[in-house]
Amino acid sequence: MKNASRSMALTGQPPKALNTPQKLATLLGMSGLGVLVLSLFNIEFPNKAFWLTLALLAIVAGVVWFTIAQYGNTSKGIKNDGVWFKSISSRGLWGWVAGIVLTGFYIVLYFYPEYLGLVKEGENTGIIALFDPLSKFLSGNPASQWFVYGTLYTIAILAFGIKFIWKYRHNNYEIIRTVSVMFFQTAFAFIIPEIMARLNGDLPYYDLKNIWPLNYYNFERYRVNGFIDAGDIGLALLIFGVLSIFVITPILTYKFGKRWYCSWVCGCGGLAETAGDSFRQLSDKSMIAWKIERWVVHSVVVFVTVMTIAVVHSYLGNDTSKYWLTKTTFLIGSAVILTAVFAWAMIYKRDQLQKDAKYGAIGYFVILMAMIGFHFFSGDQNIFIFKTATLRQWYGVLIGSIFSGVIGTGFYPIFGNRVWCRFGCPMAAILGFQQRLFSKFRITTNGGQCISCGNCSTYCEMGIDVRAYAQKGENIVRSSCVGCGICSAVCPRGVLKLENGPTQGRIESRQVLLGNDVDLMELVHNHNKK
């Protein structure tokens, strides 16, 4: 019992110095990281496979050992663990150092891979050469900067996923969904695509869990040709990509909310939830941040939609005797789909949209329709005023590289772990639109038991003031909510609950909170009628 905490404080205590096991775990993990750093300086290792395995195992073992030393002798449940007292998790010196290092890594990764040892013609050097044995074992090809990144990405999710499970071991929902993102990242995003490349060299690299608009490049001409040339398996993947957009995604979002993807499958969300968990409290909860979020993320959706339409349009033909899908047919079809979605939202769901959301929807719709209309007044290569290649290049650099990589992950220690998911991810925006307007998912609240501790709002990585909803007894149905469930996991009173079930036959908690009469017999009568 001498290790038991008798403190009743909800805020936790300032962190103590690292104990001996934590120091040894840090030494072990840093030694593995040191091997990778040495390889950056072209230090030649006699047996690359051995040293790479040793380095990766040391990093994982160090994180796991540190986790056991940190949480092993504590009781289950969440205490704030002094997150606002630690430099690394409160935008202190070490937080800024971590942010600068991560940002620098992403800049080199995306724009200067030669400094990592990438050689286009010849043998790789540096850290990329260290990963060559693993890459050749899986796909038969030499490593690239993306293989190195994918390996480190997967290792981070696995190692910090174990840490996450230890921290939230009192909550089965958190354990199961963390195992889910670990599995999807390891199998569907890392191992299976590499093996598929080995078995079928004509098949374009395909992250099976990525869906448009995240894989915005999926419908470019070279990939479409690659899928067709790869035979039945390639054609099946191409059809799967289309069905994922129009069939699979809406159905799953209707039943489970956007959490089925953002918190259970997505690799970006997986890294944010595991490696980025220590920074979730840094998300901005202000009204201005919420307004910026809505305008920026939906602007990205419009950008990627315009860019994708332009890319597909650029390689379609005009001869109706040879092609059923011509340039004009494709543009008209795109306009019809966009018009149908806009009309449905404005006619049947307008009451669920706030004033600025309605104005934004109208503005974006007018812009998209006007751009499609420009097709009839422009040359084949200048649809949407700009050249297709220019639009593709802008999106790839500004959104695909700088926003999602450099800012989205590099700024974890500064702006929180869901910067990309909240402000830039077009997939999150589309799923959020579906979740807000027709999904069964919601977070129910029992406001009568809320003690206003603020844990839920503090730990919300998407910047939602959860406590404000709980205090009013209102259900939380927000486009930005990714359904991670941490707000419910850290609530000391069990006020919050993630649900997909029907609301009929329930007592409205808000009426109880306001002191209004609730006719229980009417509820019983309605239930018996069923």
Protein backbone atom coordinates (compact mmCIF):
# COMPACT_ATOMS: atom_id res chain seq x y z
CA MET A 1 0.00 0.00 0.00
CA LYS A 2 2.96 2.37 0.29
CA ASN A 3 2.73 3.09 -3.46
CA ALA A 4 -0.94 4.06 -3.28
CA SER A 5 -1.79 7.70 -3.94
CA ARG A 6 -3.95 9.35 -1.28
CA SER A 7 -4.33 12.64 -3.12
CA MET A 8 -7.90 13.68 -3.89
CA ALA A 9 -6.85 16.37 -6.39
CA LEU A 10 -8.33 16.02 -9.86
CA THR A 11 -5.49 18.02 -11.37
CA GLY A 12 -2.75 15.64 -10.31
CA GLN A 13 0.60 16.58 -8.83
CA PRO A 14 3.74 18.11 -10.34
CA PRO A 15 5.92 15.41 -11.91
CA LYS A 16 8.65 13.84 -9.88
CA ALA A 17 12.15 13.04 -11.12
CA LEU A 18 12.53 9.97 -13.29
CA ASN A 19 13.04 6.79 -11.32
CA THR A 20 15.86 4.37 -12.07
CA PRO A 21 13.90 2.06 -14.43
CA GLN A 22 12.69 5.11 -16.41
CA LYS A 23 16.26 6.38 -16.74
CA LEU A 24 17.49 2.98 -17.93
CA ALA A 25 14.56 2.74 -20.38
CA THR A 26 15.42 6.19 -21.74
CA LEU A 27 19.04 5.10 -22.19
CA LEU A 28 17.96 1.97 -24.04
CA GLY A 29 15.57 3.83 -26.36
CA MET A 30 18.07 6.60 -27.06
CA SER A 31 20.76 4.05 -27.90
CA GLY A 32 18.50 2.60 -30.61
CA LEU A 33 17.76 6.10 -31.88
CA GLY A 34 21.50 6.80 -31.79
CA VAL A 35 22.14 4.01 -34.31
CA LEU A 36 19.71 5.67 -36.72
CA VAL A 37 21.33 9.08 -36.16
CA LEU A 38 24.81 7.65 -36.78
CA SER A 39 23.63 6.19 -40.07
CA LEU A 40 22.63 9.70 -41.15
CA PHE A 41 26.31 10.59 -41.09
CA ASN A 42 27.16 7.66 -43.41
CA ILE A 43 28.59 5.48 -40.64
CA GLU A 44 28.97 2.08 -42.27
CA PHE A 45 27.54 -0.82 -40.28
CA PRO A 46 28.99 -4.23 -41.21
CA ASN A 47 25.66 -6.03 -40.98
CA LYS A 48 22.85 -3.61 -41.77
CA ALA A 49 20.03 -6.07 -41.07
CA PHE A 50 21.39 -6.84 -37.61
CA TRP A 51 21.94 -3.21 -36.63
CA LEU A 52 18.57 -2.10 -37.98
CA THR A 53 16.80 -4.84 -36.06
CA LEU A 54 18.77 -3.98 -32.92
CA ALA A 55 17.96 -0.26 -33.25
CA LEU A 56 14.22 -0.75 -33.79
CA LEU A 57 13.93 -3.30 -30.99
CA ALA A 58 15.83 -0.98 -28.63
CA ILE A 59 13.45 1.89 -29.40
CA VAL A 60 10.33 -0.23 -28.86
CA ALA A 61 11.74 -1.88 -25.73
CA GLY A 62 12.74 1.51 -24.32
CA VAL A 63 9.24 2.94 -24.78
CA VAL A 64 7.57 -0.14 -23.32
CA TRP A 65 9.95 -0.30 -20.36
CA PHE A 66 9.46 3.40 -19.65
CA THR A 67 5.68 2.89 -19.81
CA ILE A 68 5.72 0.02 -17.33
CA ALA A 69 7.91 2.03 -14.99
CA GLN A 70 5.56 5.01 -15.26
CA TYR A 71 2.16 3.30 -14.95
CA GLY A 72 2.93 -0.16 -13.58
CA ASN A 73 2.65 0.77 -9.89
CA THR A 74 -0.28 3.18 -10.25
CA SER A 75 -3.97 2.47 -9.93
CA LYS A 76 -6.14 2.33 -13.03
CA GLY A 77 -7.87 5.51 -14.14
CA ILE A 78 -6.78 8.89 -15.38
CA LYS A 79 -4.98 11.47 -13.37
CA ASN A 80 -3.67 14.49 -15.20
CA ASP A 81 -0.15 13.35 -14.32
CA GLY A 82 1.13 16.91 -14.20
CA VAL A 83 0.82 17.53 -17.95
CA TRP A 84 0.76 21.29 -17.42
CA PHE A 85 3.88 21.10 -15.22
CA LYS A 86 6.03 19.27 -17.79
CA SER A 87 8.07 21.26 -20.28
CA ILE A 88 7.49 18.74 -23.08
CA SER A 89 3.68 18.79 -22.77
CA SER A 90 3.02 22.42 -21.89
CA ARG A 91 4.77 24.28 -24.72
CA GLY A 92 7.90 24.65 -22.62
CA LEU A 93 11.50 24.56 -23.83
CA TRP A 94 11.53 20.83 -24.53
CA GLY A 95 8.18 21.10 -26.28
CA TRP A 96 9.58 23.68 -28.69
CA VAL A 97 12.77 21.65 -29.17
CA ALA A 98 10.69 18.57 -30.03
CA GLY A 99 8.56 20.60 -32.42
CA ILE A 100 11.59 22.04 -34.21
CA VAL A 101 13.26 18.62 -34.53
CA LEU A 102 10.10 16.98 -35.89
CA THR A 103 9.46 19.85 -38.30
CA GLY A 104 13.06 19.71 -39.54
CA PHE A 105 12.79 15.96 -40.09
CA TYR A 106 9.66 16.38 -42.20
CA ILE A 107 11.19 19.16 -44.28
CA VAL A 108 14.19 16.97 -45.11
CA LEU A 109 11.95 13.93 -45.71
CA TYR A 110 9.64 15.67 -48.18
CA PHE A 111 11.97 18.07 -49.94
CA TYR A 112 15.59 16.95 -49.45
CA PRO A 113 15.62 13.11 -49.30
CA GLU A 114 19.17 13.07 -50.67
CA TYR A 115 20.35 14.18 -47.24
CA LEU A 116 18.86 10.95 -45.87
CA GLY A 117 20.93 8.97 -48.35
CA LEU A 118 18.50 8.49 -51.25
CA VAL A 119 20.36 7.77 -54.51
CA LYS A 120 18.19 7.56 -57.63
CA GLU A 121 20.78 5.72 -59.68
CA GLY A 122 23.10 3.59 -57.61
CA GLU A 123 23.37 2.26 -54.08
CA ASN A 124 21.63 4.16 -51.27
CA THR A 125 23.69 5.64 -48.47
CA GLY A 126 22.96 6.94 -44.98
CA ILE A 127 19.86 5.95 -43.07
CA ILE A 128 18.02 4.82 -46.21
CA ALA A 129 20.78 2.28 -46.90
CA LEU A 130 20.31 0.95 -43.36
CA PHE A 131 16.69 0.11 -44.25
CA ASP A 132 17.56 -1.55 -47.56
CA PRO A 133 17.63 -5.13 -46.15
CA LEU A 134 14.11 -4.81 -44.70
CA SER A 135 12.74 -3.25 -47.89
CA LYS A 136 14.30 -5.94 -50.09
CA PHE A 137 12.96 -8.63 -47.77
CA LEU A 138 9.37 -7.33 -48.04
CA SER A 139 9.08 -5.99 -51.59
CA GLY A 140 12.35 -6.94 -53.27
CA ASN A 141 13.15 -3.28 -53.93
CA PRO A 142 15.71 -0.94 -52.36
CA ALA A 143 14.40 1.39 -49.67
CA SER A 144 13.18 4.90 -50.37
CA GLN A 145 12.60 7.79 -48.00
CA TRP A 146 8.93 6.76 -47.89
CA PHE A 147 9.80 3.21 -46.83
CA VAL A 148 11.99 4.58 -44.03
CA TYR A 149 9.20 6.91 -42.99
CA GLY A 150 6.57 4.15 -43.17
CA THR A 151 8.70 1.85 -41.02
CA LEU A 152 9.36 4.50 -38.36
CA TYR A 153 5.70 5.55 -38.52
CA THR A 154 4.56 1.98 -37.87
CA ILE A 155 7.11 1.47 -35.09
CA ALA A 156 5.91 4.68 -33.42
CA ILE A 157 2.26 3.58 -33.50
CA LEU A 158 3.12 0.13 -32.15
CA ALA A 159 5.42 1.33 -29.36
CA PHE A 160 3.34 4.29 -28.23
CA GLY A 161 0.18 2.25 -28.79
CA ILE A 162 1.38 -0.05 -26.00
CA LYS A 163 1.99 3.06 -23.87
CA PHE A 164 -1.52 4.30 -24.66
CA ILE A 165 -3.06 0.96 -23.69
CA TRP A 166 -1.22 0.99 -20.34
CA LYS A 167 -2.37 4.52 -19.62
CA TYR A 168 -6.01 3.86 -20.48
CA ARG A 169 -6.14 0.25 -19.32
CA HIS A 170 -9.26 0.96 -17.27
CA ASN A 171 -11.28 1.54 -20.46
CA ASN A 172 -12.00 -1.36 -22.83
CA TYR A 173 -13.09 0.94 -25.64
CA GLU A 174 -9.70 2.66 -25.69
CA ILE A 175 -7.85 -0.66 -25.61
CA ILE A 176 -9.83 -2.17 -28.49
CA ARG A 177 -9.64 0.85 -30.78
CA THR A 178 -5.90 1.24 -30.13
CA VAL A 179 -5.32 -2.39 -31.08
CA SER A 180 -7.39 -1.65 -34.19
CA VAL A 181 -5.25 1.28 -35.39
CA MET A 182 -2.09 -0.71 -34.59
CA PHE A 183 -3.37 -3.58 -36.73
CA PHE A 184 -4.52 -1.47 -39.69
CA GLN A 185 -1.29 0.49 -39.79
CA THR A 186 0.93 -2.57 -39.56
CA ALA A 187 -1.02 -4.85 -41.90
CA PHE A 188 -2.95 -2.67 -44.37
CA ALA A 189 -0.62 0.32 -44.62
CA PHE A 190 2.81 -1.29 -44.24
CA ILE A 191 3.16 -5.05 -44.78
CA ILE A 192 0.41 -5.90 -47.31
CA PRO A 193 1.25 -3.12 -49.82
CA GLU A 194 4.91 -4.16 -49.78
CA ILE A 195 4.03 -7.83 -50.36
CA MET A 196 1.58 -6.85 -53.13
CA ALA A 197 4.38 -4.93 -54.85
CA ARG A 198 6.55 -8.05 -54.64
CA LEU A 199 3.87 -10.33 -56.08
CA ASN A 200 2.72 -7.97 -58.82
CA GLY A 201 5.29 -5.44 -59.96
CA ASP A 202 2.79 -3.66 -62.26
CA LEU A 203 0.46 -2.85 -59.37
CA PRO A 204 0.79 0.73 -58.05
CA TYR A 205 1.63 1.02 -54.37
CA TYR A 206 -1.72 1.01 -52.56
CA ASP A 207 -2.35 1.82 -48.91
CA LEU A 208 -5.53 -0.23 -48.52
CA LYS A 209 -6.92 1.88 -45.70
CA ASN A 210 -6.56 5.20 -47.51
CA ILE A 211 -9.69 6.55 -49.19
CA TRP A 212 -10.15 9.56 -51.45
CA PRO A 213 -9.53 12.42 -50.78
CA LEU A 214 -6.62 11.24 -48.60
CA ASN A 215 -5.19 9.30 -51.54
CA TYR A 216 -5.90 12.22 -53.87
CA TYR A 217 -3.39 10.76 -56.33
CA ASN A 218 -5.35 7.54 -56.76
CA PHE A 219 -7.19 8.64 -59.89
CA GLU A 220 -4.23 10.09 -61.77
CA ARG A 221 -3.62 8.68 -65.20
CA TYR A 222 -0.46 6.72 -64.42
CA ARG A 223 -2.16 4.97 -61.49
CA VAL A 224 -5.35 4.20 -63.38
CA ASN A 225 -3.28 2.72 -66.21
CA GLY A 226 -1.24 0.79 -63.66
CA PHE A 227 -4.36 -0.70 -62.08
CA ILE A 228 -5.74 -1.71 -65.49
CA ASP A 229 -2.41 -3.21 -66.61
CA ALA A 230 -2.17 -5.23 -63.37
CA GLY A 231 -5.19 -7.32 -64.38
CA ASP A 232 -8.14 -8.37 -62.26
CA ILE A 233 -6.55 -7.48 -58.92
CA GLY A 234 -5.75 -3.97 -60.15
CA LEU A 235 -9.24 -3.44 -61.54
CA ALA A 236 -10.72 -4.73 -58.27
CA LEU A 237 -8.66 -2.19 -56.31
CA LEU A 238 -9.77 0.60 -58.62
CA ILE A 239 -13.44 -0.35 -58.19
CA PHE A 240 -12.90 -0.68 -54.44
CA GLY A 241 -11.53 2.88 -54.37
CA VAL A 242 -14.68 4.20 -56.07
CA LEU A 243 -17.05 2.16 -53.88
CA SER A 244 -15.23 3.36 -50.77
CA ILE A 245 -16.17 6.94 -51.61
CA PHE A 246 -19.81 6.55 -52.60
CA VAL A 247 -20.99 3.40 -50.76
CA ILE A 248 -18.79 2.07 -47.95
CA THR A 249 -17.93 5.38 -46.28
CA PRO A 250 -21.50 6.80 -46.06
CA ILE A 251 -22.92 3.52 -44.72
CA LEU A 252 -20.31 3.10 -42.00
CA THR A 253 -20.50 6.77 -41.03
CA TYR A 254 -24.28 6.56 -40.75
CA LYS A 255 -24.03 3.57 -38.43
CA PHE A 256 -20.97 4.50 -36.34
CA GLY A 257 -20.04 8.12 -37.04
CA LYS A 258 -16.68 9.23 -38.42
CA ARG A 259 -14.94 7.44 -35.57
CA TRP A 260 -15.00 4.17 -37.55
CA TYR A 261 -12.26 5.70 -39.70
CA CYS A 262 -10.67 8.61 -37.81
CA SER A 263 -10.16 6.70 -34.55
CA TRP A 264 -10.13 3.04 -35.61
CA VAL A 265 -8.48 2.84 -39.06
CA CYS A 266 -6.70 6.02 -40.16
CA GLY A 267 -2.92 6.08 -39.84
CA CYS A 268 -2.83 9.84 -39.25
CA GLY A 269 -5.33 9.41 -36.44
CA GLY A 270 -3.41 6.40 -35.16
CA LEU A 271 -0.18 8.36 -34.83
CA ALA A 272 -2.02 11.28 -33.23
CA GLU A 273 -3.68 9.00 -30.67
CA THR A 274 -0.54 7.09 -29.73
CA ALA A 275 2.64 9.12 -30.23
CA GLY A 276 0.69 12.37 -29.92
CA ASP A 277 -1.35 11.50 -26.83
CA SER A 278 0.88 13.54 -24.53
CA PHE A 279 -0.06 16.71 -26.44
CA ARG A 280 -3.85 16.35 -26.76
CA GLN A 281 -4.50 18.99 -24.08
CA LEU A 282 -2.80 21.66 -26.21
CA SER A 283 -5.69 21.93 -28.69
CA ASP A 284 -7.19 25.43 -28.84
CA LYS A 285 -10.75 25.54 -27.47
CA SER A 286 -11.46 29.17 -28.38
CA MET A 287 -14.35 30.27 -30.60
CA ILE A 288 -11.99 31.87 -33.11
CA ALA A 289 -10.08 28.58 -33.49
CA TRP A 290 -13.37 26.79 -34.16
CA LYS A 291 -14.33 29.30 -36.88
CA ILE A 292 -10.90 29.09 -38.50
CA GLU A 293 -11.12 25.31 -38.39
CA ARG A 294 -14.43 25.20 -40.25
CA TRP A 295 -13.40 27.59 -43.01
CA VAL A 296 -9.93 26.15 -43.55
CA VAL A 297 -10.84 22.46 -43.55
CA HIS A 298 -13.79 22.93 -45.91
CA SER A 299 -11.65 25.08 -48.19
CA VAL A 300 -9.26 22.13 -48.43
CA VAL A 301 -12.21 19.91 -49.43
CA VAL A 302 -13.11 22.30 -52.24
CA PHE A 303 -9.46 22.46 -53.31
CA VAL A 304 -9.06 18.68 -53.51
CA THR A 305 -12.42 18.29 -55.29
CA VAL A 306 -11.46 20.84 -57.94
CA MET A 307 -8.02 19.31 -58.33
CA THR A 308 -9.34 15.74 -58.68
CA ILE A 309 -11.99 16.73 -61.24
CA ALA A 310 -9.33 18.57 -63.22
CA VAL A 311 -6.90 15.62 -63.12
CA VAL A 312 -9.49 13.05 -64.27
CA HIS A 313 -10.79 15.46 -66.92
CA SER A 314 -7.29 15.95 -68.33
CA TYR A 315 -6.91 12.38 -69.60
CA LEU A 316 -10.46 11.62 -70.73
CA GLY A 317 -11.35 11.69 -74.42
CA ASN A 318 -14.06 13.47 -76.42
CA ASP A 319 -14.96 10.73 -78.92
CA THR A 320 -18.33 9.35 -77.81
CA SER A 321 -17.98 6.41 -80.22
CA LYS A 322 -14.91 5.16 -78.33
CA TYR A 323 -15.52 6.27 -74.74
CA TRP A 324 -18.70 6.24 -72.71
CA LEU A 325 -17.05 8.53 -70.13
CA THR A 326 -16.00 11.64 -72.02
CA LYS A 327 -14.76 14.97 -70.72
CA THR A 328 -18.18 16.57 -71.01
CA THR A 329 -20.02 13.58 -69.54
CA PHE A 330 -17.65 13.50 -66.57
CA LEU A 331 -18.07 17.21 -65.83
CA ILE A 332 -21.85 17.04 -66.14
CA GLY A 333 -21.91 13.99 -63.86
CA SER A 334 -19.72 15.75 -61.30
CA ALA A 335 -22.00 18.80 -61.41
CA VAL A 336 -25.09 16.62 -60.92
CA ILE A 337 -23.59 14.84 -57.89
CA LEU A 338 -22.46 18.11 -56.27
CA THR A 339 -25.85 19.71 -56.95
CA ALA A 340 -27.70 16.72 -55.46
CA VAL A 341 -25.62 16.83 -52.27
CA PHE A 342 -26.05 20.60 -51.95
CA ALA A 343 -29.81 20.46 -52.59
CA TRP A 344 -30.30 17.62 -50.09
CA ALA A 345 -28.40 19.49 -47.38
CA MET A 346 -30.13 22.81 -47.96
CA ILE A 347 -33.66 21.37 -48.28
CA TYR A 348 -33.77 18.57 -45.73
CA LYS A 349 -30.98 19.47 -43.29
CA ARG A 350 -30.93 23.28 -43.34
CA ASP A 351 -32.16 23.49 -39.73
CA GLN A 352 -28.99 21.71 -38.59
CA LEU A 353 -26.70 24.21 -40.31
CA GLN A 354 -25.77 27.48 -38.68
CA LYS A 355 -26.01 30.75 -40.59
CA ASP A 356 -22.34 30.96 -41.54
CA ALA A 357 -22.38 27.29 -42.55
CA LYS A 358 -25.27 27.98 -44.93
CA TYR A 359 -23.49 30.98 -46.42
CA GLY A 360 -20.30 28.97 -46.76
CA ALA A 361 -22.11 26.07 -48.46
CA ILE A 362 -23.76 28.44 -50.94
CA GLY A 363 -20.47 30.21 -51.64
CA TYR A 364 -18.51 27.01 -52.18
CA PHE A 365 -21.25 25.55 -54.37
CA VAL A 366 -21.33 28.64 -56.57
CA ILE A 367 -17.54 28.54 -56.90
CA LEU A 368 -17.51 24.86 -57.91
CA MET A 369 -20.31 25.27 -60.43
CA ALA A 370 -18.67 28.36 -61.91
CA MET A 371 -15.36 26.50 -62.29
CA ILE A 372 -17.06 23.59 -64.02
CA GLY A 373 -18.77 26.10 -66.28
CA PHE A 374 -15.39 27.52 -67.26
CA HIS A 375 -14.71 24.25 -69.05
CA PHE A 376 -16.80 25.36 -71.98
CA PHE A 377 -14.78 28.57 -72.34
CA SER A 378 -11.27 27.21 -71.88
CA GLY A 379 -8.82 24.94 -73.63
CA ASP A 380 -8.51 21.26 -72.78
CA GLN A 381 -5.48 21.86 -70.55
CA ASN A 382 -6.82 24.95 -68.79
CA ILE A 383 -9.94 23.72 -67.07
CA PHE A 384 -10.70 25.72 -63.93
CA ILE A 385 -8.56 28.61 -65.29
CA PHE A 386 -5.34 26.93 -64.11
CA LYS A 387 -3.50 24.08 -65.77
CA THR A 388 -4.22 20.66 -64.31
CA ALA A 389 -0.55 20.02 -63.53
CA THR A 390 -0.37 23.33 -61.67
CA LEU A 391 -3.37 22.50 -59.49
CA ARG A 392 -1.96 19.04 -58.77
CA GLN A 393 1.45 20.46 -57.87
CA TRP A 394 -0.01 23.14 -55.59
CA TYR A 395 -2.16 20.65 -53.73
CA GLY A 396 0.65 18.12 -53.39
CA VAL A 397 3.05 20.69 -51.94
CA LEU A 398 0.74 22.88 -49.86
CA ILE A 399 -1.64 20.23 -48.50
CA GLY A 400 -0.09 16.83 -49.12
CA SER A 401 3.37 17.79 -47.88
CA ILE A 402 3.49 21.01 -45.84
CA PHE A 403 0.11 20.83 -44.10
CA SER A 404 -0.30 17.09 -43.50
CA GLY A 405 3.37 16.37 -42.79
CA VAL A 406 5.45 19.34 -41.75
CA ILE A 407 2.71 21.17 -39.83
CA GLY A 408 0.32 18.31 -39.09
CA THR A 409 2.85 16.16 -37.24
CA GLY A 410 5.77 18.49 -36.59
CA PHE A 411 3.55 20.86 -34.61
CA TYR A 412 2.25 18.19 -32.18
CA PRO A 413 4.12 19.72 -29.21
CA ILE A 414 2.86 23.23 -30.05
CA PHE A 415 -0.76 23.02 -31.26
CA GLY A 416 -1.81 19.56 -30.13
CA ASN A 417 -1.92 16.16 -31.77
CA ARG A 418 -4.80 16.65 -34.22
CA VAL A 419 -3.70 19.79 -36.09
CA TRP A 420 -3.99 18.07 -39.47
CA CYS A 421 -7.18 16.15 -38.62
CA ARG A 422 -8.85 19.29 -37.29
CA PHE A 423 -7.75 22.02 -39.71
CA GLY A 424 -6.60 20.30 -42.88
CA CYS A 425 -7.84 16.74 -43.46
CA PRO A 426 -10.46 16.72 -46.27
CA MET A 427 -11.46 13.16 -45.35
CA ALA A 428 -12.28 14.27 -41.81
CA ALA A 429 -14.32 17.17 -43.20
CA ILE A 430 -16.38 14.95 -45.52
CA LEU A 431 -16.98 12.35 -42.81
CA GLY A 432 -17.81 15.16 -40.38
CA PHE A 433 -20.41 16.52 -42.81
CA GLN A 434 -22.01 13.08 -42.98
CA GLN A 435 -21.80 12.64 -39.21
CA ARG A 436 -23.38 16.00 -38.49
CA LEU A 437 -26.31 15.56 -40.85
CA PHE A 438 -27.36 11.91 -40.85
CA SER A 439 -25.24 9.72 -38.56
CA LYS A 440 -26.68 7.81 -35.60
CA PHE A 441 -23.54 8.49 -33.55
CA ARG A 442 -23.57 10.98 -30.70
CA ILE A 443 -22.12 11.45 -27.21
CA THR A 444 -24.91 11.54 -24.67
CA THR A 445 -24.57 13.49 -21.43
CA ASN A 446 -26.01 13.20 -17.95
CA GLY A 447 -25.71 16.82 -16.89
CA GLY A 448 -27.13 16.22 -13.43
CA GLN A 449 -23.94 14.38 -12.43
CA CYS A 450 -21.42 16.82 -13.97
CA ILE A 451 -19.15 18.42 -11.36
CA SER A 452 -17.50 20.80 -13.88
CA CYS A 453 -14.01 19.42 -13.31
CA GLY A 454 -13.14 20.21 -16.93
CA ASN A 455 -11.23 17.00 -17.63
CA CYS A 456 -13.36 16.30 -20.72
CA SER A 457 -12.67 19.67 -22.34
CA THR A 458 -8.99 19.59 -21.37
CA TYR A 459 -8.39 16.25 -23.03
CA CYS A 460 -10.50 16.87 -26.16
CA GLU A 461 -7.95 16.84 -28.98
CA MET A 462 -10.42 18.42 -31.43
CA GLY A 463 -10.90 21.59 -29.39
CA ILE A 464 -14.52 20.92 -28.38
CA ASP A 465 -15.68 22.43 -25.08
CA VAL A 466 -17.29 19.17 -23.95
CA ARG A 467 -17.99 20.49 -20.46
CA ALA A 468 -20.33 23.17 -21.85
CA TYR A 469 -22.50 20.45 -23.40
CA ALA A 470 -22.40 18.31 -20.26
CA GLN A 471 -23.43 21.19 -18.02
CA LYS A 472 -26.51 21.78 -20.20
CA GLY A 473 -27.33 18.09 -20.57
CA GLU A 474 -27.06 18.32 -24.37
CA ASN A 475 -26.00 15.50 -26.64
CA ILE A 476 -22.77 16.19 -28.51
CA VAL A 477 -23.19 15.95 -32.28
CA ARG A 478 -20.28 17.82 -33.82
CA SER A 479 -18.69 17.48 -37.25
CA SER A 480 -15.21 17.69 -35.77
CA CYS A 481 -15.69 14.98 -33.11
CA VAL A 482 -13.65 11.90 -34.05
CA GLY A 483 -15.22 9.69 -31.38
CA CYS A 484 -11.94 8.90 -29.64
CA GLY A 485 -13.86 8.57 -26.37
CA ILE A 486 -11.16 10.13 -24.20
CA CYS A 487 -13.63 12.67 -22.80
CA SER A 488 -15.69 9.75 -21.49
CA ALA A 489 -12.60 7.86 -20.30
CA VAL A 490 -11.31 10.75 -18.16
CA CYS A 491 -14.71 11.72 -16.70
CA PRO A 492 -14.72 10.84 -12.97
CA ARG A 493 -18.54 10.71 -12.82
CA GLY A 494 -19.50 8.72 -15.92
CA VAL A 495 -21.37 11.70 -17.40
CA LEU A 496 -20.46 11.00 -21.04
CA LYS A 497 -21.32 7.98 -23.17
CA LEU A 498 -20.64 7.19 -26.84
CA GLU A 499 -23.78 5.80 -28.49
CA ASN A 500 -25.20 4.69 -31.82
CA GLY A 501 -28.62 3.47 -30.63
CA PRO A 502 -32.06 5.05 -31.15
CA THR A 503 -33.26 7.91 -28.96
CA GLN A 504 -36.92 6.90 -28.90
CA GLY A 505 -38.29 5.92 -25.51
CA ARG A 506 -35.62 7.72 -23.50
CA ILE A 507 -35.93 10.33 -20.81
CA GLU A 508 -34.54 13.62 -22.06
CA SER A 509 -31.81 14.45 -19.58
CA ARG A 510 -31.92 18.14 -20.39
CA GLN A 511 -35.50 18.40 -19.18
CA VAL A 512 -34.55 16.74 -15.90
CA LEU A 513 -31.59 19.11 -15.53
CA LEU A 514 -33.86 22.13 -16.07
CA GLY A 515 -36.36 20.84 -13.51
CA ASN A 516 -39.16 20.29 -16.01
CA ASP A 517 -41.75 17.56 -15.56
CA VAL A 518 -41.19 14.35 -17.52
CA ASP A 519 -44.21 12.13 -18.18
CA LEU A 520 -42.79 8.70 -17.47
CA MET A 521 -46.10 6.96 -18.17
CA GLU A 522 -46.10 8.34 -21.70
CA LEU A 523 -42.71 6.76 -22.27
CA VAL A 524 -43.97 3.43 -20.91
CA HIS A 525 -47.09 3.65 -23.09
CA ASN A 526 -45.09 4.37 -26.22
CA HIS A 527 -42.74 1.50 -25.41
CA ASN A 528 -45.62 -0.95 -24.97
CA LYS A 529 -47.13 0.10 -28.31
CA LYS A 530 -44.04 -1.25 -30.03
